PDB file of N, CA and C in Angstrom:
ATOM      1  N   MET A   1     -33.129   1.657  38.634  1.00  0.00           N
ATOM      2  CA  MET A   1     -32.843   2.626  37.606  1.00  0.00           C
ATOM      3  C   MET A   1     -31.330   2.743  37.355  1.00  0.00           C
ATOM      4  N   ARG A   2     -30.560   2.846  38.433  1.00  0.00           N
ATOM      5  CA  ARG A   2     -29.114   2.964  38.295  1.00  0.00           C
ATOM      6  C   ARG A   2     -28.525   1.708  37.676  1.00  0.00           C
ATOM      7  N   ARG A   3     -29.075   0.573  38.058  1.00  0.00           N
ATOM      8  CA  ARG A   3     -28.552  -0.697  37.559  1.00  0.00           C
ATOM      9  C   ARG A   3     -28.745  -0.800  36.044  1.00  0.00           C
ATOM     10  N   SER A   4     -29.878  -0.349  35.526  1.00  0.00           N
ATOM     11  CA  SER A   4     -30.108  -0.422  34.092  1.00  0.00           C
ATOM     12  C   SER A   4     -29.228   0.578  33.348  1.00  0.00           C
ATOM     13  N   SER A   5     -28.959   1.737  33.932  1.00  0.00           N
ATOM     14  CA  SER A   5     -28.050   2.712  33.306  1.00  0.00           C
ATOM     15  C   SER A   5     -26.639   2.139  33.247  1.00  0.00           C
ATOM     16  N   PHE A   6     -26.213   1.466  34.293  1.00  0.00           N
ATOM     17  CA  PHE A   6     -24.897   0.855  34.337  1.00  0.00           C
ATOM     18  C   PHE A   6     -24.772  -0.214  33.258  1.00  0.00           C
ATOM     19  N   LYS A   7     -25.792  -1.047  33.125  1.00  0.00           N
ATOM     20  CA  LYS A   7     -25.766  -2.099  32.109  1.00  0.00           C
ATOM     21  C   LYS A   7     -25.749  -1.492  30.709  1.00  0.00           C
ATOM     22  N   THR A   8     -26.522  -0.452  30.513  1.00  0.00           N
ATOM     23  CA  THR A   8     -26.557   0.209  29.205  1.00  0.00           C
ATOM     24  C   THR A   8     -25.189   0.809  28.883  1.00  0.00           C
ATOM     25  N   GLY A   9     -24.571   1.458  29.850  1.00  0.00           N
ATOM     26  CA  GLY A   9     -23.247   2.036  29.652  1.00  0.00           C
ATOM     27  C   GLY A   9     -22.205   0.973  29.359  1.00  0.00           C
ATOM     28  N   LEU A  10     -22.259  -0.105  30.131  1.00  0.00           N
ATOM     29  CA  LEU A  10     -21.317  -1.201  29.929  1.00  0.00           C
ATOM     30  C   LEU A  10     -21.494  -1.819  28.543  1.00  0.00           C
ATOM     31  N   PHE A  11     -22.726  -2.016  28.135  1.00  0.00           N
ATOM     32  CA  PHE A  11     -23.011  -2.558  26.800  1.00  0.00           C
ATOM     33  C   PHE A  11     -22.485  -1.615  25.716  1.00  0.00           C
ATOM     34  N   THR A  12     -22.670  -0.315  25.907  1.00  0.00           N
ATOM     35  CA  THR A  12     -22.214   0.667  24.922  1.00  0.00           C
ATOM     36  C   THR A  12     -20.693   0.630  24.786  1.00  0.00           C
ATOM     37  N   VAL A  13     -19.989   0.574  25.891  1.00  0.00           N
ATOM     38  CA  VAL A  13     -18.526   0.510  25.863  1.00  0.00           C
ATOM     39  C   VAL A  13     -18.062  -0.771  25.162  1.00  0.00           C
ATOM     40  N   ALA A  14     -18.681  -1.889  25.482  1.00  0.00           N
ATOM     41  CA  ALA A  14     -18.312  -3.162  24.854  1.00  0.00           C
ATOM     42  C   ALA A  14     -18.573  -3.110  23.348  1.00  0.00           C
ATOM     43  N   PHE A  15     -19.687  -2.537  22.949  1.00  0.00           N
ATOM     44  CA  PHE A  15     -20.041  -2.435  21.539  1.00  0.00           C
ATOM     45  C   PHE A  15     -19.027  -1.554  20.793  1.00  0.00           C
ATOM     46  N   VAL A  16     -18.660  -0.419  21.387  1.00  0.00           N
ATOM     47  CA  VAL A  16     -17.689   0.477  20.760  1.00  0.00           C
ATOM     48  C   VAL A  16     -16.339  -0.228  20.604  1.00  0.00           C
ATOM     49  N   CYS A  17     -15.903  -0.950  21.626  1.00  0.00           N
ATOM     50  CA  CYS A  17     -14.645  -1.700  21.540  1.00  0.00           C
ATOM     51  C   CYS A  17     -14.702  -2.738  20.425  1.00  0.00           C
ATOM     52  N   PHE A  18     -15.818  -3.417  20.287  1.00  0.00           N
ATOM     53  CA  PHE A  18     -15.987  -4.408  19.228  1.00  0.00           C
ATOM     54  C   PHE A  18     -15.890  -3.754  17.853  1.00  0.00           C
ATOM     55  N   VAL A  19     -16.565  -2.622  17.675  1.00  0.00           N
ATOM     56  CA  VAL A  19     -16.557  -1.934  16.386  1.00  0.00           C
ATOM     57  C   VAL A  19     -15.149  -1.462  16.041  1.00  0.00           C
ATOM     58  N   ILE A  20     -14.430  -0.914  17.000  1.00  0.00           N
ATOM     59  CA  ILE A  20     -13.066  -0.449  16.754  1.00  0.00           C
ATOM     60  C   ILE A  20     -12.159  -1.626  16.391  1.00  0.00           C
ATOM     61  N   GLY A  21     -12.272  -2.719  17.122  1.00  0.00           N
ATOM     62  CA  GLY A  21     -11.464  -3.905  16.822  1.00  0.00           C
ATOM     63  C   GLY A  21     -11.768  -4.471  15.450  1.00  0.00           C
ATOM     64  N   PHE A  22     -13.027  -4.532  15.094  1.00  0.00           N
ATOM     65  CA  PHE A  22     -13.440  -5.036  13.787  1.00  0.00           C
ATOM     66  C   PHE A  22     -12.922  -4.126  12.681  1.00  0.00           C
ATOM     67  N   SER A  23     -12.997  -2.831  12.901  1.00  0.00           N
ATOM     68  CA  SER A  23     -12.532  -1.858  11.920  1.00  0.00           C
ATOM     69  C   SER A  23     -11.032  -1.997  11.688  1.00  0.00           C
ATOM     70  N   ASN A  24     -10.265  -2.162  12.758  1.00  0.00           N
ATOM     71  CA  ASN A  24      -8.814  -2.339  12.621  1.00  0.00           C
ATOM     72  C   ASN A  24      -8.482  -3.613  11.864  1.00  0.00           C
ATOM     73  N   ALA A  25      -9.213  -4.676  12.122  1.00  0.00           N
ATOM     74  CA  ALA A  25      -8.975  -5.940  11.418  1.00  0.00           C
ATOM     75  C   ALA A  25      -9.264  -5.781   9.936  1.00  0.00           C
ATOM     76  N   GLN A  26     -10.304  -5.052   9.595  1.00  0.00           N
ATOM     77  CA  GLN A  26     -10.647  -4.824   8.193  1.00  0.00           C
ATOM     78  C   GLN A  26      -9.563  -4.024   7.492  1.00  0.00           C
ATOM     79  N   SER A  27      -9.051  -2.976   8.139  1.00  0.00           N
ATOM     80  CA  SER A  27      -8.048  -2.139   7.486  1.00  0.00           C
ATOM     81  C   SER A  27      -6.751  -2.903   7.260  1.00  0.00           C
ATOM     82  N   LYS A  28      -6.401  -3.844   8.110  1.00  0.00           N
ATOM     83  CA  LYS A  28      -5.197  -4.647   7.919  1.00  0.00           C
ATOM     84  C   LYS A  28      -5.343  -5.571   6.725  1.00  0.00           C
ATOM     85  N   GLU A  29      -6.564  -6.052   6.464  1.00  0.00           N
ATOM     86  CA  GLU A  29      -6.784  -6.950   5.331  1.00  0.00           C
ATOM     87  C   GLU A  29      -6.705  -6.217   4.006  1.00  0.00           C
ATOM     88  N   GLU A  30      -6.922  -4.901   3.993  1.00  0.00           N
ATOM     89  CA  GLU A  30      -6.913  -4.137   2.760  1.00  0.00           C
ATOM     90  C   GLU A  30      -5.501  -3.839   2.266  1.00  0.00           C
ATOM     91  N   ARG A  31      -4.501  -3.995   3.098  1.00  0.00           N
ATOM     92  CA  ARG A  31      -3.132  -3.729   2.694  1.00  0.00           C
ATOM     93  C   ARG A  31      -2.667  -4.806   1.719  1.00  0.00           C
ATOM     94  N   PRO A  32      -1.950  -4.394   0.686  1.00  0.00           N
ATOM     95  CA  PRO A  32      -1.454  -5.410  -0.245  1.00  0.00           C
ATOM     96  C   PRO A  32      -0.448  -6.327   0.450  1.00  0.00           C
ATOM     97  N   GLN A  33      -0.561  -7.608   0.202  1.00  0.00           N
ATOM     98  CA  GLN A  33       0.310  -8.579   0.845  1.00  0.00           C
ATOM     99  C   GLN A  33       1.576  -8.829   0.035  1.00  0.00           C
ATOM    100  N   GLU A  34       1.509  -8.626  -1.266  1.00  0.00           N
ATOM    101  CA  GLU A  34       2.652  -8.880  -2.130  1.00  0.00           C
ATOM    102  C   GLU A  34       2.995  -7.627  -2.921  1.00  0.00           C
ATOM    103  N   PRO A  35       4.239  -7.463  -3.306  1.00  0.00           N
ATOM    104  CA  PRO A  35       4.590  -6.322  -4.152  1.00  0.00           C
ATOM    105  C   PRO A  35       3.881  -6.448  -5.507  1.00  0.00           C
ATOM    106  N   PRO A  36       3.581  -5.325  -6.131  1.00  0.00           N
ATOM    107  CA  PRO A  36       2.893  -5.389  -7.426  1.00  0.00           C
ATOM    108  C   PRO A  36       3.785  -5.978  -8.514  1.00  0.00           C
ATOM    109  N   THR A  37       3.161  -6.603  -9.475  1.00  0.00           N
ATOM    110  CA  THR A  37       3.890  -7.121 -10.629  1.00  0.00           C
ATOM    111  C   THR A  37       4.080  -5.992 -11.640  1.00  0.00           C
ATOM    112  N   TYR A  38       4.954  -6.217 -12.594  1.00  0.00           N
ATOM    113  CA  TYR A  38       5.172  -5.218 -13.645  1.00  0.00           C
ATOM    114  C   TYR A  38       3.887  -4.981 -14.431  1.00  0.00           C
ATOM    115  N   ALA A  39       3.153  -6.043 -14.692  1.00  0.00           N
ATOM    116  CA  ALA A  39       1.887  -5.918 -15.428  1.00  0.00           C
ATOM    117  C   ALA A  39       0.899  -5.036 -14.670  1.00  0.00           C
ATOM    118  N   LYS A  40       0.838  -5.194 -13.343  1.00  0.00           N
ATOM    119  CA  LYS A  40      -0.069  -4.366 -12.532  1.00  0.00           C
ATOM    120  C   LYS A  40       0.372  -2.906 -12.554  1.00  0.00           C
ATOM    121  N   LEU A  41       1.680  -2.683 -12.504  1.00  0.00           N
ATOM    122  CA  LEU A  41       2.178  -1.307 -12.560  1.00  0.00           C
ATOM    123  C   LEU A  41       1.839  -0.662 -13.896  1.00  0.00           C
ATOM    124  N   LEU A  42       1.992  -1.417 -14.976  1.00  0.00           N
ATOM    125  CA  LEU A  42       1.615  -0.888 -16.293  1.00  0.00           C
ATOM    126  C   LEU A  42       0.137  -0.517 -16.312  1.00  0.00           C
ATOM    127  N   GLU A  43      -0.666  -1.397 -15.752  1.00  0.00           N
ATOM    128  CA  GLU A  43      -2.109  -1.178 -15.707  1.00  0.00           C
ATOM    129  C   GLU A  43      -2.447   0.113 -14.955  1.00  0.00           C
ATOM    130  N   LYS A  44      -1.740   0.361 -13.854  1.00  0.00           N
ATOM    131  CA  LYS A  44      -2.025   1.522 -13.020  1.00  0.00           C
ATOM    132  C   LYS A  44      -1.357   2.803 -13.503  1.00  0.00           C
ATOM    133  N   MET A  45      -0.111   2.707 -13.979  1.00  0.00           N
ATOM    134  CA  MET A  45       0.684   3.916 -14.200  1.00  0.00           C
ATOM    135  C   MET A  45       0.934   4.291 -15.657  1.00  0.00           C
ATOM    136  N   ASP A  46       0.756   3.386 -16.586  1.00  0.00           N
ATOM    137  CA  ASP A  46       1.058   3.678 -17.992  1.00  0.00           C
ATOM    138  C   ASP A  46      -0.055   4.546 -18.571  1.00  0.00           C
ATOM    139  N   THR A  47      -0.008   5.843 -18.266  1.00  0.00           N
ATOM    140  CA  THR A  47      -1.100   6.747 -18.640  1.00  0.00           C
ATOM    141  C   THR A  47      -1.241   6.939 -20.148  1.00  0.00           C
ATOM    142  N   ASN A  48      -0.141   6.901 -20.891  1.00  0.00           N
ATOM    143  CA  ASN A  48      -0.252   7.068 -22.347  1.00  0.00           C
ATOM    144  C   ASN A  48      -0.400   5.730 -23.073  1.00  0.00           C
ATOM    145  N   GLU A  49      -0.462   4.646 -22.307  1.00  0.00           N
ATOM    146  CA  GLU A  49      -0.715   3.294 -22.818  1.00  0.00           C
ATOM    147  C   GLU A  49       0.238   2.878 -23.938  1.00  0.00           C
ATOM    148  N   ASP A  50       1.528   3.207 -23.757  1.00  0.00           N
ATOM    149  CA  ASP A  50       2.516   2.800 -24.757  1.00  0.00           C
ATOM    150  C   ASP A  50       3.244   1.521 -24.354  1.00  0.00           C
ATOM    151  N   GLY A  51       2.852   0.933 -23.212  1.00  0.00           N
ATOM    152  CA  GLY A  51       3.479  -0.295 -22.754  1.00  0.00           C
ATOM    153  C   GLY A  51       4.819  -0.095 -22.075  1.00  0.00           C
ATOM    154  N   LYS A  52       5.120   1.171 -21.720  1.00  0.00           N
ATOM    155  CA  LYS A  52       6.388   1.504 -21.077  1.00  0.00           C
ATOM    156  C   LYS A  52       6.113   2.379 -19.859  1.00  0.00           C
ATOM    157  N   LEU A  53       7.043   2.371 -18.911  1.00  0.00           N
ATOM    158  CA  LEU A  53       6.928   3.233 -17.730  1.00  0.00           C
ATOM    159  C   LEU A  53       8.028   4.288 -17.775  1.00  0.00           C
ATOM    160  N   SER A  54       7.636   5.540 -17.972  1.00  0.00           N
ATOM    161  CA  SER A  54       8.601   6.640 -17.979  1.00  0.00           C
ATOM    162  C   SER A  54       8.603   7.325 -16.614  1.00  0.00           C
ATOM    163  N   LYS A  55       9.580   8.165 -16.388  1.00  0.00           N
ATOM    164  CA  LYS A  55       9.696   8.867 -15.107  1.00  0.00           C
ATOM    165  C   LYS A  55       8.475   9.765 -14.860  1.00  0.00           C
ATOM    166  N   GLU A  56       7.887  10.300 -15.903  1.00  0.00           N
ATOM    167  CA  GLU A  56       6.717  11.165 -15.770  1.00  0.00           C
ATOM    168  C   GLU A  56       5.477  10.372 -15.333  1.00  0.00           C
ATOM    169  N   GLU A  57       5.454   9.078 -15.619  1.00  0.00           N
ATOM    170  CA  GLU A  57       4.284   8.254 -15.311  1.00  0.00           C
ATOM    171  C   GLU A  57       4.336   7.596 -13.933  1.00  0.00           C
ATOM    172  N   VAL A  58       5.526   7.234 -13.478  1.00  0.00           N
ATOM    173  CA  VAL A  58       5.634   6.475 -12.227  1.00  0.00           C
ATOM    174  C   VAL A  58       5.476   7.374 -11.009  1.00  0.00           C
ATOM    175  N   LYS A  59       5.142   6.737  -9.881  1.00  0.00           N
ATOM    176  CA  LYS A  59       4.904   7.468  -8.634  1.00  0.00           C
ATOM    177  C   LYS A  59       5.605   6.759  -7.483  1.00  0.00           C
ATOM    178  N   GLY A  60       5.687   7.458  -6.363  1.00  0.00           N
ATOM    179  CA  GLY A  60       6.173   6.871  -5.125  1.00  0.00           C
ATOM    180  C   GLY A  60       7.624   6.440  -5.182  1.00  0.00           C
ATOM    181  N   PRO A  61       7.943   5.317  -4.512  1.00  0.00           N
ATOM    182  CA  PRO A  61       9.334   4.843  -4.451  1.00  0.00           C
ATOM    183  C   PRO A  61       9.919   4.556  -5.830  1.00  0.00           C
ATOM    184  N   LEU A  62       9.069   4.151  -6.753  1.00  0.00           N
ATOM    185  CA  LEU A  62       9.544   3.868  -8.109  1.00  0.00           C
ATOM    186  C   LEU A  62      10.086   5.136  -8.766  1.00  0.00           C
ATOM    187  N   LYS A  63       9.407   6.245  -8.539  1.00  0.00           N
ATOM    188  CA  LYS A  63       9.861   7.524  -9.092  1.00  0.00           C
ATOM    189  C   LYS A  63      11.151   7.972  -8.403  1.00  0.00           C
ATOM    190  N   ASP A  64      11.203   7.805  -7.085  1.00  0.00           N
ATOM    191  CA  ASP A  64      12.387   8.213  -6.321  1.00  0.00           C
ATOM    192  C   ASP A  64      13.630   7.424  -6.743  1.00  0.00           C
ATOM    193  N   MET A  65      13.449   6.172  -7.126  1.00  0.00           N
ATOM    194  CA  MET A  65      14.571   5.293  -7.466  1.00  0.00           C
ATOM    195  C   MET A  65      14.724   5.107  -8.979  1.00  0.00           C
ATOM    196  N   PHE A  66      14.054   5.933  -9.772  1.00  0.00           N
ATOM    197  CA  PHE A  66      13.994   5.734 -11.216  1.00  0.00           C
ATOM    198  C   PHE A  66      15.369   5.591 -11.859  1.00  0.00           C
ATOM    199  N   THR A  67      16.291   6.489 -11.536  1.00  0.00           N
ATOM    200  CA  THR A  67      17.610   6.438 -12.186  1.00  0.00           C
ATOM    201  C   THR A  67      18.393   5.184 -11.793  1.00  0.00           C
ATOM    202  N   ASP A  68      18.156   4.673 -10.583  1.00  0.00           N
ATOM    203  CA  ASP A  68      18.814   3.426 -10.169  1.00  0.00           C
ATOM    204  C   ASP A  68      18.226   2.220 -10.901  1.00  0.00           C
ATOM    205  N   ILE A  69      16.937   2.273 -11.185  1.00  0.00           N
ATOM    206  CA  ILE A  69      16.256   1.142 -11.827  1.00  0.00           C
ATOM    207  C   ILE A  69      16.502   1.130 -13.335  1.00  0.00           C
ATOM    208  N   ASP A  70      16.490   2.296 -13.961  1.00  0.00           N
ATOM    209  CA  ASP A  70      16.680   2.406 -15.415  1.00  0.00           C
ATOM    210  C   ASP A  70      18.163   2.239 -15.749  1.00  0.00           C
ATOM    211  N   THR A  71      18.632   1.014 -15.687  1.00  0.00           N
ATOM    212  CA  THR A  71      20.067   0.741 -15.836  1.00  0.00           C
ATOM    213  C   THR A  71      20.606   1.016 -17.244  1.00  0.00           C
ATOM    214  N   ASN A  72      19.771   0.874 -18.278  1.00  0.00           N
ATOM    215  CA  ASN A  72      20.255   1.157 -19.637  1.00  0.00           C
ATOM    216  C   ASN A  72      20.060   2.631 -20.020  1.00  0.00           C
ATOM    217  N   GLU A  73      19.528   3.415 -19.091  1.00  0.00           N
ATOM    218  CA  GLU A  73      19.374   4.863 -19.230  1.00  0.00           C
ATOM    219  C   GLU A  73      18.623   5.290 -20.493  1.00  0.00           C
ATOM    220  N   ASN A  74      17.587   4.528 -20.859  1.00  0.00           N
ATOM    221  CA  ASN A  74      16.794   4.892 -22.035  1.00  0.00           C
ATOM    222  C   ASN A  74      15.552   5.710 -21.677  1.00  0.00           C
ATOM    223  N   GLY A  75      15.371   5.999 -20.395  1.00  0.00           N
ATOM    224  CA  GLY A  75      14.228   6.818 -19.976  1.00  0.00           C
ATOM    225  C   GLY A  75      12.979   6.022 -19.654  1.00  0.00           C
ATOM    226  N   PHE A  76      13.099   4.696 -19.680  1.00  0.00           N
ATOM    227  CA  PHE A  76      11.956   3.829 -19.376  1.00  0.00           C
ATOM    228  C   PHE A  76      12.401   2.683 -18.479  1.00  0.00           C
ATOM    229  N   ILE A  77      11.458   2.171 -17.706  1.00  0.00           N
ATOM    230  CA  ILE A  77      11.735   0.988 -16.893  1.00  0.00           C
ATOM    231  C   ILE A  77      11.124  -0.210 -17.604  1.00  0.00           C
ATOM    232  N   SER A  78      11.984  -1.148 -17.975  1.00  0.00           N
ATOM    233  CA  SER A  78      11.506  -2.374 -18.617  1.00  0.00           C
ATOM    234  C   SER A  78      11.149  -3.402 -17.542  1.00  0.00           C
ATOM    235  N   GLU A  79      10.515  -4.466 -17.961  1.00  0.00           N
ATOM    236  CA  GLU A  79      10.164  -5.530 -17.016  1.00  0.00           C
ATOM    237  C   GLU A  79      11.423  -6.151 -16.408  1.00  0.00           C
ATOM    238  N   GLU A  80      12.459  -6.339 -17.224  1.00  0.00           N
ATOM    239  CA  GLU A  80      13.703  -6.916 -16.733  1.00  0.00           C
ATOM    240  C   GLU A  80      14.361  -6.006 -15.692  1.00  0.00           C
ATOM    241  N   GLU A  81      14.377  -4.701 -15.986  1.00  0.00           N
ATOM    242  CA  GLU A  81      14.948  -3.740 -15.041  1.00  0.00           C
ATOM    243  C   GLU A  81      14.138  -3.712 -13.743  1.00  0.00           C
ATOM    244  N   PHE A  82      12.832  -3.808 -13.881  1.00  0.00           N
ATOM    245  CA  PHE A  82      11.963  -3.808 -12.696  1.00  0.00           C
ATOM    246  C   PHE A  82      12.243  -5.025 -11.813  1.00  0.00           C
ATOM    247  N   LYS A  83      12.414  -6.176 -12.444  1.00  0.00           N
ATOM    248  CA  LYS A  83      12.675  -7.396 -11.668  1.00  0.00           C
ATOM    249  C   LYS A  83      14.021  -7.336 -10.942  1.00  0.00           C
ATOM    250  N   LYS A  84      15.001  -6.654 -11.526  1.00  0.00           N
ATOM    251  CA  LYS A  84      16.335  -6.556 -10.930  1.00  0.00           C
ATOM    252  C   LYS A  84      16.471  -5.352  -9.987  1.00  0.00           C
ATOM    253  N   ALA A  85      15.445  -4.548  -9.896  1.00  0.00           N
ATOM    254  CA  ALA A  85      15.512  -3.301  -9.114  1.00  0.00           C
ATOM    255  C   ALA A  85      15.716  -3.570  -7.629  1.00  0.00           C
ATOM    256  N   PRO A  86      16.480  -2.695  -6.978  1.00  0.00           N
ATOM    257  CA  PRO A  86      16.609  -2.831  -5.520  1.00  0.00           C
ATOM    258  C   PRO A  86      15.249  -2.592  -4.863  1.00  0.00           C
ATOM    259  N   LYS A  87      14.969  -3.362  -3.857  1.00  0.00           N
ATOM    260  CA  LYS A  87      13.684  -3.240  -3.177  1.00  0.00           C
ATOM    261  C   LYS A  87      13.699  -2.040  -2.243  1.00  0.00           C
ATOM    262  N   PRO A  88      12.602  -1.253  -2.229  1.00  0.00           N
ATOM    263  CA  PRO A  88      12.562  -0.103  -1.315  1.00  0.00           C
ATOM    264  C   PRO A  88      12.535  -0.578   0.133  1.00  0.00           C
ATOM    265  N   LYS A  89      13.119   0.216   0.997  1.00  0.00           N
ATOM    266  CA  LYS A  89      13.120  -0.127   2.422  1.00  0.00           C
ATOM    267  C   LYS A  89      11.729   0.111   2.974  1.00  0.00           C
ATOM    268  N   ARG A  90      11.268  -0.861   3.760  1.00  0.00           N
ATOM    269  CA  ARG A  90       9.950  -0.742   4.372  1.00  0.00           C
ATOM    270  C   ARG A  90      10.041   0.089   5.639  1.00  0.00           C
ATOM    271  N   ARG A  91       8.975   0.828   5.867  1.00  0.00           N
ATOM    272  CA  ARG A  91       8.905   1.586   7.118  1.00  0.00           C
ATOM    273  C   ARG A  91       8.625   0.630   8.261  1.00  0.00           C
ATOM    274  N   LYS A  92       9.225   0.910   9.384  1.00  0.00           N
ATOM    275  CA  LYS A  92       8.980   0.084  10.552  1.00  0.00           C
ATOM    276  C   LYS A  92       7.612   0.401  11.113  1.00  0.00           C
ATOM    277  N   ARG A  93       6.916  -0.650  11.513  1.00  0.00           N
ATOM    278  CA  ARG A  93       5.606  -0.465  12.136  1.00  0.00           C
ATOM    279  C   ARG A  93       5.796  -0.073  13.597  1.00  0.00           C
ATOM    280  N   PRO A  94       4.950   0.824  14.063  1.00  0.00           N
ATOM    281  CA  PRO A  94       5.066   1.183  15.479  1.00  0.00           C
ATOM    282  C   PRO A  94       4.688  -0.004  16.339  1.00  0.00           C
ATOM    283  N   SER A  95       5.449  -0.220  17.414  1.00  0.00           N
ATOM    284  CA  SER A  95       5.144  -1.334  18.304  1.00  0.00           C
ATOM    285  C   SER A  95       4.013  -0.960  19.228  1.00  0.00           C
ATOM    286  N   ASN A  96       3.192  -1.945  19.533  1.00  0.00           N
ATOM    287  CA  ASN A  96       2.029  -1.685  20.387  1.00  0.00           C
ATOM    288  C   ASN A  96       2.360  -1.840  21.828  1.00  0.00           C
TER     289      ASN A  96
END
């Protein structure tokens, strides 16, 4: 009886470890590997669909750096300005 309980417990622990490992591997694959293109940003953020990105439409690091990116100061980020924009600093990953 004890031997079967031990095997069941051991199997349960191994199964849980497998599920956690598999889950972590899946979440790493969901992260974007490349920075978004200007076309993708327009698709996601151009809420009024005018083909331009204004400060009211953008989010995240793009919004924080808007004045640095909008070099001609017209209130919009063009594709050329986006390509020349300084890249945001990446957060360091915690070491395991």
